[in-house]
Protein backbone atom coordinates (compact mmCIF):
# COMPACT_ATOMS: atom_id res chain seq x y z
CA MET A 1 -11.26 -2.53 24.72
CA LYS A 2 -11.44 1.10 23.34
CA VAL A 3 -10.12 2.00 20.19
CA ALA A 4 -9.19 5.25 18.90
CA PHE A 5 -9.59 5.12 15.11
CA PHE A 6 -7.20 7.94 13.14
CA SER A 7 -7.32 9.21 9.79
CA ALA A 8 -10.85 8.15 9.47
CA LYS A 9 -12.75 8.59 6.16
CA PRO A 10 -16.57 8.43 6.15
CA TYR A 11 -16.51 5.68 3.67
CA GLU A 12 -14.33 3.77 6.23
CA GLU A 13 -16.70 4.02 9.13
CA ILE A 14 -19.42 2.91 7.02
CA VAL A 15 -17.59 -0.36 6.04
CA PHE A 16 -16.18 -0.83 9.77
CA LYS A 17 -19.57 -0.48 11.22
CA ALA A 18 -20.72 -3.05 8.76
CA ALA A 19 -18.00 -5.59 9.57
CA ALA A 20 -18.45 -5.11 13.49
CA THR A 21 -22.05 -5.73 13.00
CA SER A 22 -21.48 -8.89 11.19
CA LEU A 23 -18.92 -10.08 13.78
CA GLU A 24 -21.01 -9.53 16.62
CA LYS A 25 -23.92 -11.96 14.66
CA ALA A 26 -21.31 -14.67 14.13
CA MET A 27 -19.85 -14.32 17.42
CA SER A 28 -23.79 -14.80 18.67
CA LEU A 29 -23.94 -17.78 16.60
CA GLU A 30 -20.64 -19.33 18.07
CA GLY A 31 -22.26 -19.23 21.55
CA THR A 32 -21.15 -17.89 25.03
CA GLU A 33 -18.84 -20.68 25.78
CA ARG A 34 -15.38 -21.96 24.25
CA GLU A 35 -14.86 -25.01 23.16
CA ASP A 36 -12.92 -26.16 26.10
CA GLY A 37 -16.06 -25.39 28.27
CA LEU A 38 -14.25 -21.89 29.91
CA PRO A 39 -16.23 -18.74 29.56
CA PRO A 40 -15.02 -16.52 26.73
CA THR A 41 -12.03 -13.93 27.45
CA PHE A 42 -13.27 -11.92 24.28
CA SER A 43 -14.16 -7.73 25.41
CA PRO A 44 -16.12 -6.03 23.28
CA ILE A 45 -14.67 -3.50 20.98
CA SER A 46 -15.56 0.07 21.09
CA ILE A 47 -14.42 2.50 18.11
CA THR A 48 -13.98 5.95 18.27
CA TYR A 49 -13.47 7.75 14.83
CA PHE A 50 -11.15 10.45 14.69
CA PRO A 51 -10.37 12.38 11.14
CA HIS A 52 -7.26 13.54 12.19
CA GLN A 53 -3.86 11.92 11.32
CA LEU A 54 -2.19 10.16 14.39
CA THR A 55 0.92 12.34 15.05
CA ALA A 56 2.66 13.31 18.22
CA GLU A 57 0.29 16.39 18.73
CA THR A 58 -3.07 14.28 18.19
CA ALA A 59 -1.63 11.12 20.55
CA LEU A 60 -2.86 13.16 22.97
CA LEU A 61 -6.31 12.32 22.15
CA CYS A 62 -5.81 8.89 23.14
CA GLN A 63 -6.34 9.08 26.95
CA GLY A 64 -8.54 6.57 28.21
CA TYR A 65 -8.37 4.28 25.34
CA ASP A 66 -6.63 0.89 25.15
CA GLY A 67 -5.56 0.76 21.35
CA VAL A 68 -5.17 2.99 18.19
CA CYS A 69 -6.17 1.77 14.63
CA VAL A 70 -3.94 3.85 12.14
CA PHE A 71 -3.29 4.04 8.31
CA VAL A 72 -0.34 4.31 6.29
CA ASN A 73 0.48 7.80 6.60
CA ASP A 74 -0.05 8.18 10.13
CA GLU A 75 3.15 8.99 11.97
CA LEU A 76 3.90 6.49 14.77
CA ASN A 77 7.70 7.60 15.65
CA ALA A 78 9.39 7.20 18.50
CA LYS A 79 8.22 10.49 20.11
CA THR A 80 4.58 9.48 19.27
CA LEU A 81 4.89 6.20 20.67
CA TYR A 82 6.25 7.58 23.99
CA ILE A 83 2.94 9.80 24.15
CA LEU A 84 1.07 6.85 23.35
CA HIS A 85 2.26 4.67 26.02
CA GLU A 86 1.70 7.20 28.80
CA ALA A 87 -1.59 7.66 27.71
CA GLY A 88 -1.99 3.83 28.31
CA ILE A 89 -2.09 2.55 24.45
CA LYS A 90 -1.17 -1.38 24.52
CA HIS A 91 -1.75 -1.99 21.12
CA ILE A 92 -1.42 -0.36 17.48
CA ALA A 93 -3.58 -1.93 14.67
CA LEU A 94 -2.58 -0.85 10.91
CA ARG A 95 -5.46 -1.51 8.74
CA CYS A 96 -2.55 -1.89 6.17
CA ALA A 97 0.15 -4.23 5.30
CA GLY A 98 3.27 -1.86 5.20
CA PHE A 99 4.55 -0.73 8.87
CA ASN A 100 7.36 1.23 7.71
CA ASN A 101 5.70 4.44 9.53
CA VAL A 102 5.68 2.51 12.58
CA ASP A 103 8.95 2.50 14.94
CA ILE A 104 8.72 -1.07 15.69
CA ALA A 105 12.04 -1.17 17.85
CA THR A 106 10.67 1.75 20.31
CA ALA A 107 6.99 -0.14 20.29
CA ASN A 108 8.69 -3.39 21.30
CA GLU A 109 10.53 -1.56 23.92
CA LEU A 110 7.33 -0.16 25.34
CA SER A 111 5.39 -3.22 25.08
CA ILE A 112 3.06 -1.82 22.68
CA SER A 113 2.31 -4.81 20.33
CA VAL A 114 1.44 -4.28 16.57
CA SER A 115 -0.85 -6.06 13.95
CA ARG A 116 -1.26 -5.30 10.47
CA VAL A 117 -3.53 -6.76 7.41
CA PRO A 118 -0.49 -8.68 5.67
CA ALA A 119 -2.86 -9.72 2.65
CA TYR A 120 -6.16 -8.21 1.17
CA SER A 121 -7.57 -8.79 -2.06
CA PRO A 122 -4.23 -8.90 -3.74
CA GLU A 123 -5.84 -8.72 -7.38
CA THR A 124 -7.06 -4.99 -6.09
CA VAL A 125 -3.55 -3.29 -6.13
CA ALA A 126 -2.58 -5.69 -8.90
CA GLU A 127 -5.41 -4.41 -11.21
CA HIS A 128 -4.63 -0.56 -10.31
CA THR A 129 -1.14 -1.73 -11.39
CA LEU A 130 -2.43 -2.85 -14.63
CA ALA A 131 -4.68 0.66 -15.27
CA LEU A 132 -1.60 2.83 -14.79
CA ILE A 133 0.41 1.06 -17.21
CA LEU A 134 -2.32 0.44 -19.96
CA THR A 135 -3.61 4.09 -19.35
CA LEU A 136 0.05 5.41 -19.80
CA ASN A 137 0.44 3.11 -22.81
CA ARG A 138 -2.46 3.84 -24.74
CA LYS A 139 -3.18 7.36 -23.30
CA THR A 140 -6.95 6.67 -22.71
CA HIS A 141 -7.03 9.45 -19.99
CA LYS A 142 -5.65 11.93 -22.88
CA ALA A 143 -8.35 10.47 -25.61
CA TYR A 144 -11.32 10.74 -23.26
CA ASN A 145 -10.38 14.69 -22.96
CA ARG A 146 -9.91 14.97 -26.63
CA VAL A 147 -13.27 13.24 -27.35
CA LYS A 148 -15.22 15.42 -24.89
CA GLU A 149 -14.05 18.38 -26.72
CA GLY A 150 -14.75 16.75 -30.12
CA ASN A 151 -11.46 16.43 -31.05
CA PHE A 152 -10.93 12.94 -32.79
CA GLU A 153 -7.12 13.43 -33.84
CA LEU A 154 -4.92 10.52 -33.07
CA GLY A 155 -1.61 11.99 -33.42
CA GLY A 156 0.07 12.03 -29.88
CA LEU A 157 -1.94 8.97 -28.72
CA LEU A 158 0.32 6.08 -30.24
CA GLY A 159 0.95 3.32 -28.09
CA PHE A 160 2.76 0.06 -28.07
CA THR A 161 1.77 -3.72 -27.94
CA LEU A 162 1.88 -5.16 -24.52
CA HIS A 163 2.34 -8.88 -26.02
CA ASN A 164 5.91 -10.16 -25.96
CA LYS A 165 7.30 -7.23 -23.85
CA THR A 166 9.10 -7.84 -21.02
CA VAL A 167 8.20 -6.84 -17.66
CA GLY A 168 10.16 -6.73 -14.53
CA VAL A 169 8.74 -7.53 -11.43
CA ILE A 170 10.22 -6.49 -8.25
CA GLY A 171 8.51 -8.34 -5.39
CA THR A 172 6.68 -11.44 -5.52
CA GLY A 173 4.68 -11.75 -2.43
CA ARG A 174 1.00 -11.91 -3.34
CA ILE A 175 0.32 -8.63 -5.11
CA GLY A 176 3.41 -9.24 -7.13
CA GLN A 177 2.14 -12.93 -7.83
CA ALA A 178 -1.23 -11.12 -8.81
CA VAL A 179 0.25 -8.90 -11.33
CA ILE A 180 2.42 -11.73 -12.79
CA ARG A 181 -0.93 -13.73 -13.43
CA ILE A 182 -2.36 -10.82 -15.39
CA LEU A 183 0.48 -9.88 -17.31
CA LYS A 184 1.23 -13.72 -18.50
CA GLY A 185 -2.54 -13.56 -19.66
CA PHE A 186 -1.21 -10.45 -21.89
CA GLY A 187 1.15 -12.53 -23.06
CA CYS A 188 4.24 -10.45 -21.66
CA ASN A 189 7.73 -11.97 -20.84
CA ILE A 190 8.23 -11.92 -16.89
CA LEU A 191 11.61 -11.07 -15.36
CA CYS A 192 11.52 -11.32 -11.45
CA TYR A 193 13.48 -10.10 -8.27
CA ASP A 194 13.02 -10.84 -4.65
CA PRO A 195 15.51 -12.10 -1.98
CA TYR A 196 13.20 -14.71 -1.28
CA PRO A 197 12.14 -16.30 -4.51
CA ASN A 198 8.49 -18.19 -4.68
CA LYS A 199 8.90 -21.78 -5.27
CA GLN A 200 5.58 -22.12 -6.91
CA LEU A 201 6.53 -19.66 -9.29
CA LYS A 202 9.63 -21.01 -10.42
CA GLN A 203 7.75 -24.22 -10.81
CA GLU A 204 5.33 -22.40 -13.39
CA GLY A 205 8.42 -21.20 -15.22
CA VAL A 206 8.72 -17.54 -13.92
CA VAL A 207 12.42 -16.38 -14.26
CA TYR A 208 14.34 -14.86 -11.09
CA THR A 209 17.29 -12.84 -11.83
CA SER A 210 19.25 -10.13 -10.36
CA LEU A 211 18.15 -6.56 -10.06
CA GLU A 212 20.78 -5.28 -12.69
CA SER A 213 19.52 -8.09 -15.13
CA LEU A 214 15.94 -7.28 -14.55
CA PHE A 215 16.48 -3.73 -15.11
CA SER A 216 18.80 -4.01 -18.26
CA GLN A 217 16.36 -6.15 -19.86
CA SER A 218 12.73 -4.94 -18.87
CA HIS A 219 10.23 -2.77 -20.93
CA ILE A 220 8.34 -2.09 -17.85
CA VAL A 221 9.72 -2.11 -14.38
CA THR A 222 6.99 -2.21 -11.56
CA LEU A 223 7.63 -2.23 -7.70
CA HIS A 224 5.73 -4.71 -5.33
CA CYS A 225 8.19 -4.68 -2.36
CA PRO A 226 7.91 -3.37 1.10
CA LEU A 227 10.01 -0.39 1.93
CA THR A 228 13.09 -1.42 4.19
CA GLU A 229 16.43 0.16 4.62
CA GLN A 230 17.78 -2.00 2.02
CA SER A 231 14.89 -1.09 -0.45
CA TYR A 232 14.84 2.70 0.29
CA HIS A 233 15.42 4.53 -3.10
CA LEU A 234 15.98 1.28 -4.88
CA ILE A 235 14.97 3.41 -8.27
CA ASN A 236 18.14 5.91 -8.52
CA GLU A 237 20.08 7.28 -11.01
CA ALA A 238 22.25 4.39 -11.14
CA SER A 239 19.46 1.86 -11.69
CA ILE A 240 17.44 4.10 -13.86
CA ALA A 241 20.67 4.19 -16.35
CA LEU A 242 20.55 0.32 -16.54
CA MET A 243 17.06 0.78 -17.95
CA PRO A 244 16.58 0.52 -21.82
CA LYS A 245 15.62 4.10 -22.94
CA GLY A 246 12.06 4.74 -23.21
CA ALA A 247 10.97 2.11 -20.24
CA MET A 248 7.90 2.47 -17.93
CA LEU A 249 8.25 2.68 -14.37
CA ILE A 250 5.18 1.68 -12.12
CA ASN A 251 4.88 1.91 -8.51
CA THR A 252 1.95 0.95 -6.33
CA SER A 253 3.97 -0.23 -3.39
CA ARG A 254 5.65 2.74 -1.24
CA GLY A 255 6.96 6.08 -2.27
CA GLY A 256 10.59 5.90 -0.53
CA LEU A 257 11.49 3.07 -3.10
CA ILE A 258 12.18 5.68 -5.37
CA ASP A 259 14.39 8.86 -5.77
CA ASP A 260 11.83 11.41 -7.20
CA LYS A 261 14.69 13.85 -8.22
CA SER A 262 16.40 11.08 -10.36
CA VAL A 263 13.18 10.29 -11.92
CA ILE A 264 12.74 13.83 -12.82
CA ASN A 265 16.00 13.86 -14.39
CA ALA A 266 15.44 10.78 -16.40
CA LEU A 267 12.01 12.21 -17.73
CA LYS A 268 13.77 15.44 -18.58
CA ASN A 269 16.47 13.94 -20.60
CA GLY A 270 13.92 11.57 -21.88
CA HIS A 271 15.69 8.25 -20.62
CA LEU A 272 12.13 7.05 -19.27
CA GLY A 273 9.50 7.13 -21.04
CA TYR A 274 6.48 6.42 -18.85
CA VAL A 275 5.98 6.80 -15.16
CA GLY A 276 2.59 5.66 -13.17
CA LEU A 277 2.76 6.32 -9.47
CA ASP A 278 0.02 5.51 -6.89
CA VAL A 279 2.43 6.41 -3.91
CA TYR A 280 4.68 9.25 -3.00
CA GLU A 281 7.47 9.39 -0.66
CA ARG A 282 6.00 12.53 0.95
CA GLU A 283 2.65 12.03 0.41
CA SER A 284 1.24 12.18 3.73
CA GLU A 285 1.40 15.75 3.38
CA LEU A 286 -0.94 15.59 0.30
CA PHE A 287 -3.01 12.22 -0.25
CA PHE A 288 -6.23 11.67 1.15
CA SER A 289 -7.13 15.23 1.52
CA ASP A 290 -8.96 17.84 -0.61
CA HIS A 291 -5.81 20.52 -1.82
CA SER A 292 -7.81 21.44 -4.64
CA GLN A 293 -7.95 25.23 -3.24
CA ASP A 294 -4.55 25.32 -2.14
CA ILE A 295 -1.05 26.35 -3.37
CA ILE A 296 0.65 23.07 -3.02
CA GLN A 297 4.11 23.79 -1.37
CA ASP A 298 5.88 20.56 -2.62
CA ASP A 299 7.90 21.71 -5.76
CA VAL A 300 9.09 17.83 -6.77
CA PHE A 301 5.26 16.79 -6.53
CA GLN A 302 4.49 19.72 -8.79
CA ARG A 303 7.32 19.02 -11.02
CA LEU A 304 6.42 15.47 -11.44
CA LEU A 305 2.71 16.67 -12.68
CA THR A 306 4.04 18.84 -15.40
CA PHE A 307 5.53 15.61 -17.46
CA PRO A 308 2.64 14.57 -20.14
CA ASN A 309 4.12 11.04 -19.62
CA VAL A 310 3.57 10.70 -15.91
CA LEU A 311 0.35 9.68 -14.44
CA VAL A 312 -0.20 9.92 -10.55
CA THR A 313 -3.15 8.57 -8.38
CA GLY A 314 -3.61 9.45 -4.83
CA HIS A 315 -3.07 6.06 -3.21
CA GLN A 316 -6.01 4.52 -4.28
CA GLY A 317 -4.77 1.15 -5.50
CA PHE A 318 -6.28 -0.57 -2.62
CA PHE A 319 -9.59 1.29 -2.98
CA THR A 320 -12.39 -1.48 -3.85
CA LYS A 321 -15.43 -2.43 -2.10
CA GLU A 322 -13.90 -6.14 -1.78
CA ALA A 323 -10.65 -4.99 -0.48
CA LEU A 324 -11.96 -2.64 2.25
CA SER A 325 -14.26 -5.43 3.41
CA GLU A 326 -11.35 -7.71 3.63
CA ILE A 327 -9.29 -4.88 5.58
CA ALA A 328 -11.90 -4.15 8.23
CA ALA A 329 -12.62 -7.96 8.80
CA ILE A 330 -8.84 -8.71 9.23
CA THR A 331 -8.32 -5.74 11.59
CA LEU A 332 -11.47 -6.38 13.48
CA ASP A 333 -10.20 -9.95 14.06
CA ASN A 334 -6.86 -8.45 15.35
CA LEU A 335 -8.39 -6.42 17.73
CA CYS A 336 -10.38 -9.16 18.98
CA PHE A 337 -7.46 -11.54 19.38
CA ILE A 338 -5.89 -8.65 21.36
CA ALA A 339 -8.90 -8.06 23.13
CA GLY A 340 -8.81 -11.53 24.86
CA ASP A 341 -10.75 -13.72 22.13
CA THR A 342 -8.33 -16.58 21.58
CA ARG A 343 -10.34 -18.20 18.80
CA ARG A 344 -8.92 -15.57 16.51
CA ASN A 345 -5.72 -17.33 14.60
CA VAL A 346 -4.10 -14.10 13.69
CA GLN A 347 -0.52 -14.69 15.07
CA ASP A 348 0.95 -14.24 11.72
CA ASN A 349 -0.70 -10.64 11.41
CA MET A 350 1.42 -9.50 14.15
CA VAL A 351 4.34 -7.53 13.47
CA LYS A 352 7.49 -8.60 15.85
CA HIS A 353 10.66 -6.72 16.03
CA ILE A 354 13.95 -8.48 14.97
CA SER A 355 16.76 -7.08 16.28
């Protein structure tokens, strides 16, 4: 199976090659026959790494390949998918959890299967969420720069005690659950919203409530839900108005959950006290590349950066050694399954279109 790996970074190539070597060793130890005595159906996987983003233009590179491996900002709209189909692509392997950048209905129509990495080291993103909360609150990034310049003045660095504050967690999947565990360790009061409440969390005393109640009672609101038609611009003028004056908003999930212009207005009038973002709605034009010598044309993004109480990181919440290794291993398992290795138990990783 020949796979075209798009948006490849040097660190990903190193991790995926190491994971492939480990997988080959494990398979050699498994033997050359299946448990039922039949010969193995697994076909070797050959990966070609492309630094380019996958778009309708770069999809032309896929001639002669069986599958593509893509990341969060690759563009798999209908136009791209039709070109991939013409090139002979049969599978799309997402090396991430979200799949909002893939037109699943069109992929289904073209019989292109799609897999993803639904769960990988949820503590990784959860810990980055807390890093944003604590940095914004205690202003450690500002203190670091002051001390480097010999300035030990404390004015402007006043924070608040996290203990006993109410935090609203929207989305209680694995990452949301990891965030809740950490926040409970800080002594926070937790309110949750999820269309599908987690029974185990409820048994542990976690309170589920409506979005309106969560917004109105939370000192901090943190987003850990997928981007869907229902959750698009979940944070907007109306929802922000429900939040207490000076509230903190954190998003380490998907940029499209937030209406940036509403956030900017709330920052300008002082209603929002802090905003921490690891994602941005139009990040595909910015993130994962060095634009330090460019004139950035996105005026909304540039406006966000002007606020002293806004902290933006470039979609690095997933970026730990442990998470990258898990992502590589699961992605390769998905590809092995598609290539014919029926020993791989990855059915839950397959994205199915629901009409």
